[in-house]
Amino acid sequence: KAYDVSGGVDKFYSGFAEIGSSYFKKTGKCTTFYPVYISKKKKKIFIGDGIKFDSTMPKAEEKRRIASELHGSMQRMAQDSVKKED
């Protein structure tokens, strides 16, 4: 679950960030993850700045960093969306 009923963003697992490591192993390139927030009330999709996978970091640490940065960005988009509705 990546959202809650109050319009905020719940915490989520970092397992999805494994894609960054797998993609790097296969292509030698670092992928970029983009935070996305959907406002049901406004019927809008918000897309934040990309967060690039860093292949030089320990895998577990990098997965946590990506999840944390995505979560923070999505939370800010949710809060901004609510402020703009007022």
PDB file of N, CA and C in Angstrom:
ATOM      1  N   LYS A   1       0.852  -1.183   0.000  1.00  0.00           N
ATOM      2  CA  LYS A   1       0.000   0.000   0.000  1.00  0.00           C
ATOM      3  C   LYS A   1       0.889   1.235   0.000  1.00  0.00           C
ATOM      4  N   ALA A   2       0.646   2.153  -0.899  1.00  0.00           N
ATOM      5  CA  ALA A   2       1.480   3.349  -0.996  1.00  0.00           C
ATOM      6  C   ALA A   2       0.711   4.623  -0.657  1.00  0.00           C
ATOM      7  N   TYR A   3      -0.534   4.506  -0.227  1.00  0.00           N
ATOM      8  CA  TYR A   3      -1.273   5.686   0.189  1.00  0.00           C
ATOM      9  C   TYR A   3      -2.186   5.306   1.336  1.00  0.00           C
ATOM     10  N   ASP A   4      -2.649   6.310   2.080  1.00  0.00           N
ATOM     11  CA  ASP A   4      -3.612   6.003   3.126  1.00  0.00           C
ATOM     12  C   ASP A   4      -4.889   6.789   2.868  1.00  0.00           C
ATOM     13  N   VAL A   5      -5.921   6.485   3.619  1.00  0.00           N
ATOM     14  CA  VAL A   5      -7.231   7.086   3.345  1.00  0.00           C
ATOM     15  C   VAL A   5      -7.273   8.579   3.627  1.00  0.00           C
ATOM     16  N   SER A   6      -6.345   9.114   4.391  1.00  0.00           N
ATOM     17  CA  SER A   6      -6.341  10.546   4.686  1.00  0.00           C
ATOM     18  C   SER A   6      -5.666  11.351   3.579  1.00  0.00           C
ATOM     19  N   GLY A   7      -5.169  10.682   2.550  1.00  0.00           N
ATOM     20  CA  GLY A   7      -4.515  11.385   1.450  1.00  0.00           C
ATOM     21  C   GLY A   7      -3.008  11.433   1.575  1.00  0.00           C
ATOM     22  N   GLY A   8      -2.466  10.877   2.651  1.00  0.00           N
ATOM     23  CA  GLY A   8      -1.021  10.840   2.834  1.00  0.00           C
ATOM     24  C   GLY A   8      -0.438   9.623   2.147  1.00  0.00           C
ATOM     25  N   VAL A   9       0.829   9.377   2.409  1.00  0.00           N
ATOM     26  CA  VAL A   9       1.518   8.240   1.803  1.00  0.00           C
ATOM     27  C   VAL A   9       2.028   7.334   2.908  1.00  0.00           C
ATOM     28  N   ASP A  10       1.564   6.093   2.927  1.00  0.00           N
ATOM     29  CA  ASP A  10       2.052   5.115   3.898  1.00  0.00           C
ATOM     30  C   ASP A  10       3.479   4.716   3.544  1.00  0.00           C
ATOM     31  N   LYS A  11       4.199   4.188   4.535  1.00  0.00           N
ATOM     32  CA  LYS A  11       5.533   3.641   4.258  1.00  0.00           C
ATOM     33  C   LYS A  11       5.367   2.406   3.386  1.00  0.00           C
ATOM     34  N   PHE A  12       6.388   2.111   2.592  1.00  0.00           N
ATOM     35  CA  PHE A  12       6.330   0.928   1.756  1.00  0.00           C
ATOM     36  C   PHE A  12       7.667   0.202   1.785  1.00  0.00           C
ATOM     37  N   TYR A  13       7.642  -1.034   1.373  1.00  0.00           N
ATOM     38  CA  TYR A  13       8.841  -1.866   1.391  1.00  0.00           C
ATOM     39  C   TYR A  13       9.826  -1.434   0.297  1.00  0.00           C
ATOM     40  N   SER A  14      11.105  -1.741   0.523  1.00  0.00           N
ATOM     41  CA  SER A  14      12.143  -1.324  -0.415  1.00  0.00           C
ATOM     42  C   SER A  14      12.455  -2.383  -1.461  1.00  0.00           C
ATOM     43  N   GLY A  15      11.769  -3.511  -1.438  1.00  0.00           N
ATOM     44  CA  GLY A  15      12.070  -4.610  -2.353  1.00  0.00           C
ATOM     45  C   GLY A  15      12.038  -4.235  -3.821  1.00  0.00           C
ATOM     46  N   PHE A  16      11.160  -3.297  -4.180  1.00  0.00           N
ATOM     47  CA  PHE A  16      11.062  -2.880  -5.582  1.00  0.00           C
ATOM     48  C   PHE A  16      12.376  -2.297  -6.095  1.00  0.00           C
ATOM     49  N   ALA A  17      13.187  -1.730  -5.194  1.00  0.00           N
ATOM     50  CA  ALA A  17      14.443  -1.087  -5.601  1.00  0.00           C
ATOM     51  C   ALA A  17      15.479  -2.105  -6.062  1.00  0.00           C
ATOM     52  N   GLU A  18      15.206  -3.384  -5.876  1.00  0.00           N
ATOM     53  CA  GLU A  18      16.073  -4.452  -6.383  1.00  0.00           C
ATOM     54  C   GLU A  18      16.200  -4.337  -7.906  1.00  0.00           C
ATOM     55  N   ILE A  19      15.206  -3.739  -8.529  1.00  0.00           N
ATOM     56  CA  ILE A  19      15.232  -3.519  -9.983  1.00  0.00           C
ATOM     57  C   ILE A  19      16.481  -2.740 -10.368  1.00  0.00           C
ATOM     58  N   GLY A  20      16.881  -1.763  -9.529  1.00  0.00           N
ATOM     59  CA  GLY A  20      18.064  -0.956  -9.830  1.00  0.00           C
ATOM     60  C   GLY A  20      19.318  -1.801  -9.926  1.00  0.00           C
ATOM     61  N   SER A  21      19.485  -2.702  -8.984  1.00  0.00           N
ATOM     62  CA  SER A  21      20.649  -3.585  -8.979  1.00  0.00           C
ATOM     63  C   SER A  21      20.616  -4.559 -10.159  1.00  0.00           C
ATOM     64  N   SER A  22      19.465  -5.144 -10.392  1.00  0.00           N
ATOM     65  CA  SER A  22      19.317  -6.099 -11.505  1.00  0.00           C
ATOM     66  C   SER A  22      19.558  -5.425 -12.852  1.00  0.00           C
ATOM     67  N   TYR A  23      19.018  -4.235 -13.019  1.00  0.00           N
ATOM     68  CA  TYR A  23      19.177  -3.499 -14.271  1.00  0.00           C
ATOM     69  C   TYR A  23      20.653  -3.157 -14.494  1.00  0.00           C
ATOM     70  N   PHE A  24      21.344  -2.730 -13.415  1.00  0.00           N
ATOM     71  CA  PHE A  24      22.756  -2.393 -13.541  1.00  0.00           C
ATOM     72  C   PHE A  24      23.586  -3.620 -13.925  1.00  0.00           C
ATOM     73  N   LYS A  25      23.301  -4.755 -13.295  1.00  0.00           N
ATOM     74  CA  LYS A  25      24.038  -5.987 -13.608  1.00  0.00           C
ATOM     75  C   LYS A  25      23.850  -6.388 -15.064  1.00  0.00           C
ATOM     76  N   LYS A  26      22.655  -6.203 -15.583  1.00  0.00           N
ATOM     77  CA  LYS A  26      22.345  -6.626 -16.946  1.00  0.00           C
ATOM     78  C   LYS A  26      22.855  -5.645 -18.005  1.00  0.00           C
ATOM     79  N   THR A  27      22.776  -4.331 -17.720  1.00  0.00           N
ATOM     80  CA  THR A  27      23.084  -3.335 -18.746  1.00  0.00           C
ATOM     81  C   THR A  27      24.327  -2.498 -18.480  1.00  0.00           C
ATOM     82  N   GLY A  28      24.768  -2.460 -17.210  1.00  0.00           N
ATOM     83  CA  GLY A  28      25.879  -1.576 -16.849  1.00  0.00           C
ATOM     84  C   GLY A  28      25.438  -0.132 -16.692  1.00  0.00           C
ATOM     85  N   LYS A  29      24.123   0.106 -16.723  1.00  0.00           N
ATOM     86  CA  LYS A  29      23.575   1.458 -16.586  1.00  0.00           C
ATOM     87  C   LYS A  29      22.749   1.547 -15.308  1.00  0.00           C
ATOM     88  N   CYS A  30      22.703   2.753 -14.754  1.00  0.00           N
ATOM     89  CA  CYS A  30      21.904   2.993 -13.551  1.00  0.00           C
ATOM     90  C   CYS A  30      20.526   3.508 -13.944  1.00  0.00           C
ATOM     91  N   THR A  31      19.515   2.910 -13.360  1.00  0.00           N
ATOM     92  CA  THR A  31      18.147   3.312 -13.648  1.00  0.00           C
ATOM     93  C   THR A  31      17.723   4.451 -12.725  1.00  0.00           C
ATOM     94  N   THR A  32      16.669   5.123 -13.092  1.00  0.00           N
ATOM     95  CA  THR A  32      16.129   6.211 -12.292  1.00  0.00           C
ATOM     96  C   THR A  32      14.707   5.855 -11.883  1.00  0.00           C
ATOM     97  N   PHE A  33      14.418   6.056 -10.592  1.00  0.00           N
ATOM     98  CA  PHE A  33      13.082   5.816 -10.054  1.00  0.00           C
ATOM     99  C   PHE A  33      12.370   7.164  -9.914  1.00  0.00           C
ATOM    100  N   TYR A  34      11.100   7.199 -10.273  1.00  0.00           N
ATOM    101  CA  TYR A  34      10.327   8.438 -10.206  1.00  0.00           C
ATOM    102  C   TYR A  34       9.187   8.310  -9.210  1.00  0.00           C
ATOM    103  N   PRO A  35       9.086   9.263  -8.287  1.00  0.00           N
ATOM    104  CA  PRO A  35       7.968   9.241  -7.353  1.00  0.00           C
ATOM    105  C   PRO A  35       6.690   9.710  -8.053  1.00  0.00           C
ATOM    106  N   VAL A  36       5.608   9.017  -7.789  1.00  0.00           N
ATOM    107  CA  VAL A  36       4.325   9.355  -8.405  1.00  0.00           C
ATOM    108  C   VAL A  36       3.274   9.415  -7.305  1.00  0.00           C
ATOM    109  N   TYR A  37       2.471  10.461  -7.320  1.00  0.00           N
ATOM    110  CA  TYR A  37       1.360  10.590  -6.377  1.00  0.00           C
ATOM    111  C   TYR A  37       0.098  10.874  -7.174  1.00  0.00           C
ATOM    112  N   ILE A  38      -0.967  10.143  -6.863  1.00  0.00           N
ATOM    113  CA  ILE A  38      -2.242  10.342  -7.547  1.00  0.00           C
ATOM    114  C   ILE A  38      -3.231  10.903  -6.540  1.00  0.00           C
ATOM    115  N   SER A  39      -3.775  12.070  -6.860  1.00  0.00           N
ATOM    116  CA  SER A  39      -4.803  12.674  -6.025  1.00  0.00           C
ATOM    117  C   SER A  39      -6.158  12.259  -6.569  1.00  0.00           C
ATOM    118  N   LYS A  40      -6.855  11.408  -5.820  1.00  0.00           N
ATOM    119  CA  LYS A  40      -8.193  10.977  -6.243  1.00  0.00           C
ATOM    120  C   LYS A  40      -9.151  12.165  -6.240  1.00  0.00           C
ATOM    121  N   LYS A  41      -9.006  13.009  -5.228  1.00  0.00           N
ATOM    122  CA  LYS A  41      -9.905  14.158  -5.083  1.00  0.00           C
ATOM    123  C   LYS A  41      -9.763  15.136  -6.256  1.00  0.00           C
ATOM    124  N   LYS A  42      -8.524  15.418  -6.648  1.00  0.00           N
ATOM    125  CA  LYS A  42      -8.270  16.360  -7.748  1.00  0.00           C
ATOM    126  C   LYS A  42      -8.249  15.692  -9.112  1.00  0.00           C
ATOM    127  N   LYS A  43      -8.191  14.347  -9.105  1.00  0.00           N
ATOM    128  CA  LYS A  43      -8.093  13.576 -10.338  1.00  0.00           C
ATOM    129  C   LYS A  43      -6.874  14.008 -11.149  1.00  0.00           C
ATOM    130  N   LYS A  44      -5.743  14.059 -10.436  1.00  0.00           N
ATOM    131  CA  LYS A  44      -4.482  14.466 -11.050  1.00  0.00           C
ATOM    132  C   LYS A  44      -3.378  13.509 -10.649  1.00  0.00           C
ATOM    133  N   ILE A  45      -2.392  13.396 -11.529  1.00  0.00           N
ATOM    134  CA  ILE A  45      -1.197  12.601 -11.270  1.00  0.00           C
ATOM    135  C   ILE A  45      -0.020  13.565 -11.157  1.00  0.00           C
ATOM    136  N   PHE A  46       0.731  13.427 -10.080  1.00  0.00           N
ATOM    137  CA  PHE A  46       1.914  14.247  -9.853  1.00  0.00           C
ATOM    138  C   PHE A  46       3.141  13.357  -9.974  1.00  0.00           C
ATOM    139  N   ILE A  47       4.151  13.800 -10.712  1.00  0.00           N
ATOM    140  CA  ILE A  47       5.385  13.047 -10.892  1.00  0.00           C
ATOM    141  C   ILE A  47       6.548  13.922 -10.430  1.00  0.00           C
ATOM    142  N   GLY A  48       7.328  13.399  -9.499  1.00  0.00           N
ATOM    143  CA  GLY A  48       8.442  14.159  -8.940  1.00  0.00           C
ATOM    144  C   GLY A  48       9.744  13.917  -9.684  1.00  0.00           C
ATOM    145  N   ASP A  49      10.791  14.536  -9.173  1.00  0.00           N
ATOM    146  CA  ASP A  49      12.132  14.387  -9.751  1.00  0.00           C
ATOM    147  C   ASP A  49      12.633  12.962  -9.557  1.00  0.00           C
ATOM    148  N   GLY A  50      13.380  12.483 -10.514  1.00  0.00           N
ATOM    149  CA  GLY A  50      13.909  11.132 -10.477  1.00  0.00           C
ATOM    150  C   GLY A  50      14.993  10.945  -9.431  1.00  0.00           C
ATOM    151  N   ILE A  51      15.096   9.730  -8.938  1.00  0.00           N
ATOM    152  CA  ILE A  51      16.120   9.347  -7.975  1.00  0.00           C
ATOM    153  C   ILE A  51      16.934   8.235  -8.616  1.00  0.00           C
ATOM    154  N   LYS A  52      18.182   8.538  -8.904  1.00  0.00           N
ATOM    155  CA  LYS A  52      19.032   7.607  -9.647  1.00  0.00           C
ATOM    156  C   LYS A  52      19.679   6.568  -8.730  1.00  0.00           C
ATOM    157  N   PHE A  53      19.641   5.326  -9.175  1.00  0.00           N
ATOM    158  CA  PHE A  53      20.297   4.220  -8.471  1.00  0.00           C
ATOM    159  C   PHE A  53      21.803   4.451  -8.488  1.00  0.00           C
ATOM    160  N   ASP A  54      22.451   4.264  -7.335  1.00  0.00           N
ATOM    161  CA  ASP A  54      23.897   4.439  -7.213  1.00  0.00           C
ATOM    162  C   ASP A  54      24.539   3.057  -7.039  1.00  0.00           C
ATOM    163  N   SER A  55      25.167   2.575  -8.088  1.00  0.00           N
ATOM    164  CA  SER A  55      25.747   1.227  -8.086  1.00  0.00           C
ATOM    165  C   SER A  55      26.966   1.095  -7.178  1.00  0.00           C
ATOM    166  N   THR A  56      27.512   2.213  -6.689  1.00  0.00           N
ATOM    167  CA  THR A  56      28.685   2.157  -5.826  1.00  0.00           C
ATOM    168  C   THR A  56      28.323   1.939  -4.359  1.00  0.00           C
ATOM    169  N   MET A  57      27.062   2.058  -4.034  1.00  0.00           N
ATOM    170  CA  MET A  57      26.595   1.895  -2.654  1.00  0.00           C
ATOM    171  C   MET A  57      26.289   0.424  -2.363  1.00  0.00           C
ATOM    172  N   PRO A  58      26.401   0.013  -1.102  1.00  0.00           N
ATOM    173  CA  PRO A  58      25.969  -1.346  -0.745  1.00  0.00           C
ATOM    174  C   PRO A  58      24.485  -1.514  -1.087  1.00  0.00           C
ATOM    175  N   LYS A  59      24.146  -2.669  -1.634  1.00  0.00           N
ATOM    176  CA  LYS A  59      22.803  -2.894  -2.175  1.00  0.00           C
ATOM    177  C   LYS A  59      21.696  -2.622  -1.156  1.00  0.00           C
ATOM    178  N   ALA A  60      21.802  -3.155   0.040  1.00  0.00           N
ATOM    179  CA  ALA A  60      20.752  -2.980   1.047  1.00  0.00           C
ATOM    180  C   ALA A  60      20.591  -1.512   1.429  1.00  0.00           C
ATOM    181  N   GLU A  61      21.706  -0.823   1.569  1.00  0.00           N
ATOM    182  CA  GLU A  61      21.677   0.597   1.915  1.00  0.00           C
ATOM    183  C   GLU A  61      21.040   1.420   0.793  1.00  0.00           C
ATOM    184  N   GLU A  62      21.369   1.079  -0.428  1.00  0.00           N
ATOM    185  CA  GLU A  62      20.834   1.817  -1.573  1.00  0.00           C
ATOM    186  C   GLU A  62      19.332   1.594  -1.716  1.00  0.00           C
ATOM    187  N   LYS A  63      18.881   0.372  -1.472  1.00  0.00           N
ATOM    188  CA  LYS A  63      17.451   0.091  -1.525  1.00  0.00           C
ATOM    189  C   LYS A  63      16.703   0.934  -0.492  1.00  0.00           C
ATOM    190  N   ARG A  64      17.245   1.029   0.723  1.00  0.00           N
ATOM    191  CA  ARG A  64      16.612   1.842   1.768  1.00  0.00           C
ATOM    192  C   ARG A  64      16.618   3.315   1.396  1.00  0.00           C
ATOM    193  N   ARG A  65      17.732   3.785   0.812  1.00  0.00           N
ATOM    194  CA  ARG A  65      17.819   5.203   0.435  1.00  0.00           C
ATOM    195  C   ARG A  65      16.783   5.542  -0.620  1.00  0.00           C
ATOM    196  N   ILE A  66      16.681   4.721  -1.633  1.00  0.00           N
ATOM    197  CA  ILE A  66      15.725   4.977  -2.712  1.00  0.00           C
ATOM    198  C   ILE A  66      14.305   4.978  -2.167  1.00  0.00           C
ATOM    199  N   ALA A  67      13.959   3.974  -1.361  1.00  0.00           N
ATOM    200  CA  ALA A  67      12.609   3.908  -0.790  1.00  0.00           C
ATOM    201  C   ALA A  67      12.329   5.127   0.083  1.00  0.00           C
ATOM    202  N   SER A  68      13.296   5.527   0.876  1.00  0.00           N
ATOM    203  CA  SER A  68      13.126   6.681   1.759  1.00  0.00           C
ATOM    204  C   SER A  68      12.944   7.975   0.965  1.00  0.00           C
ATOM    205  N   GLU A  69      13.766   8.180  -0.043  1.00  0.00           N
ATOM    206  CA  GLU A  69      13.660   9.399  -0.847  1.00  0.00           C
ATOM    207  C   GLU A  69      12.360   9.433  -1.648  1.00  0.00           C
ATOM    208  N   LEU A  70      11.968   8.292  -2.196  1.00  0.00           N
ATOM    209  CA  LEU A  70      10.697   8.236  -2.922  1.00  0.00           C
ATOM    210  C   LEU A  70       9.533   8.529  -1.983  1.00  0.00           C
ATOM    211  N   HIS A  71       9.561   7.914  -0.818  1.00  0.00           N
ATOM    212  CA  HIS A  71       8.491   8.129   0.157  1.00  0.00           C
ATOM    213  C   HIS A  71       8.398   9.600   0.550  1.00  0.00           C
ATOM    214  N   GLY A  72       9.537  10.205   0.861  1.00  0.00           N
ATOM    215  CA  GLY A  72       9.551  11.623   1.230  1.00  0.00           C
ATOM    216  C   GLY A  72       9.009  12.509   0.129  1.00  0.00           C
ATOM    217  N   SER A  73       9.414  12.252  -1.089  1.00  0.00           N
ATOM    218  CA  SER A  73       8.951  13.044  -2.225  1.00  0.00           C
ATOM    219  C   SER A  73       7.445  12.870  -2.444  1.00  0.00           C
ATOM    220  N   MET A  74       6.976  11.620  -2.347  1.00  0.00           N
ATOM    221  CA  MET A  74       5.548  11.367  -2.519  1.00  0.00           C
ATOM    222  C   MET A  74       4.736  12.019  -1.398  1.00  0.00           C
ATOM    223  N   GLN A  75       5.263  11.994  -0.191  1.00  0.00           N
ATOM    224  CA  GLN A  75       4.576  12.621   0.941  1.00  0.00           C
ATOM    225  C   GLN A  75       4.460  14.127   0.722  1.00  0.00           C
ATOM    226  N   ARG A  76       5.536  14.758   0.237  1.00  0.00           N
ATOM    227  CA  ARG A  76       5.497  16.197  -0.035  1.00  0.00           C
ATOM    228  C   ARG A  76       4.481  16.514  -1.127  1.00  0.00           C
ATOM    229  N   MET A  77       4.429  15.669  -2.170  1.00  0.00           N
ATOM    230  CA  MET A  77       3.440  15.886  -3.230  1.00  0.00           C
ATOM    231  C   MET A  77       2.028  15.764  -2.675  1.00  0.00           C
ATOM    232  N   ALA A  78       1.800  14.809  -1.788  1.00  0.00           N
ATOM    233  CA  ALA A  78       0.482  14.638  -1.171  1.00  0.00           C
ATOM    234  C   ALA A  78       0.116  15.860  -0.345  1.00  0.00           C
ATOM    235  N   GLN A  79       1.048  16.344   0.462  1.00  0.00           N
ATOM    236  CA  GLN A  79       0.795  17.515   1.291  1.00  0.00           C
ATOM    237  C   GLN A  79       0.546  18.745   0.430  1.00  0.00           C
ATOM    238  N   ASP A  80       1.331  18.934  -0.615  1.00  0.00           N
ATOM    239  CA  ASP A  80       1.149  20.067  -1.513  1.00  0.00           C
ATOM    240  C   ASP A  80      -0.208  19.988  -2.208  1.00  0.00           C
ATOM    241  N   SER A  81      -0.629  18.791  -2.565  1.00  0.00           N
ATOM    242  CA  SER A  81      -1.917  18.601  -3.225  1.00  0.00           C
ATOM    243  C   SER A  81      -3.053  19.029  -2.301  1.00  0.00           C
ATOM    244  N   VAL A  82      -2.951  18.662  -1.035  1.00  0.00           N
ATOM    245  CA  VAL A  82      -3.986  19.024  -0.064  1.00  0.00           C
ATOM    246  C   VAL A  82      -4.003  20.536   0.151  1.00  0.00           C
ATOM    247  N   LYS A  83      -2.831  21.143   0.259  1.00  0.00           N
ATOM    248  CA  LYS A  83      -2.750  22.603   0.455  1.00  0.00           C
ATOM    249  C   LYS A  83      -3.391  23.348  -0.711  1.00  0.00           C
ATOM    250  N   LYS A  84      -3.173  22.840  -1.926  1.00  0.00           N
ATOM    251  CA  LYS A  84      -3.715  23.499  -3.111  1.00  0.00           C
ATOM    252  C   LYS A  84      -5.225  23.338  -3.219  1.00  0.00           C
ATOM    253  N   GLU A  85      -5.779  22.327  -2.504  1.00  0.00           N
ATOM    254  CA  GLU A  85      -7.223  22.110  -2.539  1.00  0.00           C
ATOM    255  C   GLU A  85      -7.949  23.099  -1.650  1.00  0.00           C
ATOM    256  N   ASP A  86      -7.278  23.604  -0.615  1.00  0.00           N
ATOM    257  CA  ASP A  86      -7.916  24.527   0.346  1.00  0.00           C
ATOM    258  C   ASP A  86      -8.212  25.873  -0.257  1.00  0.00           C
TER     259      ASP A  86
END
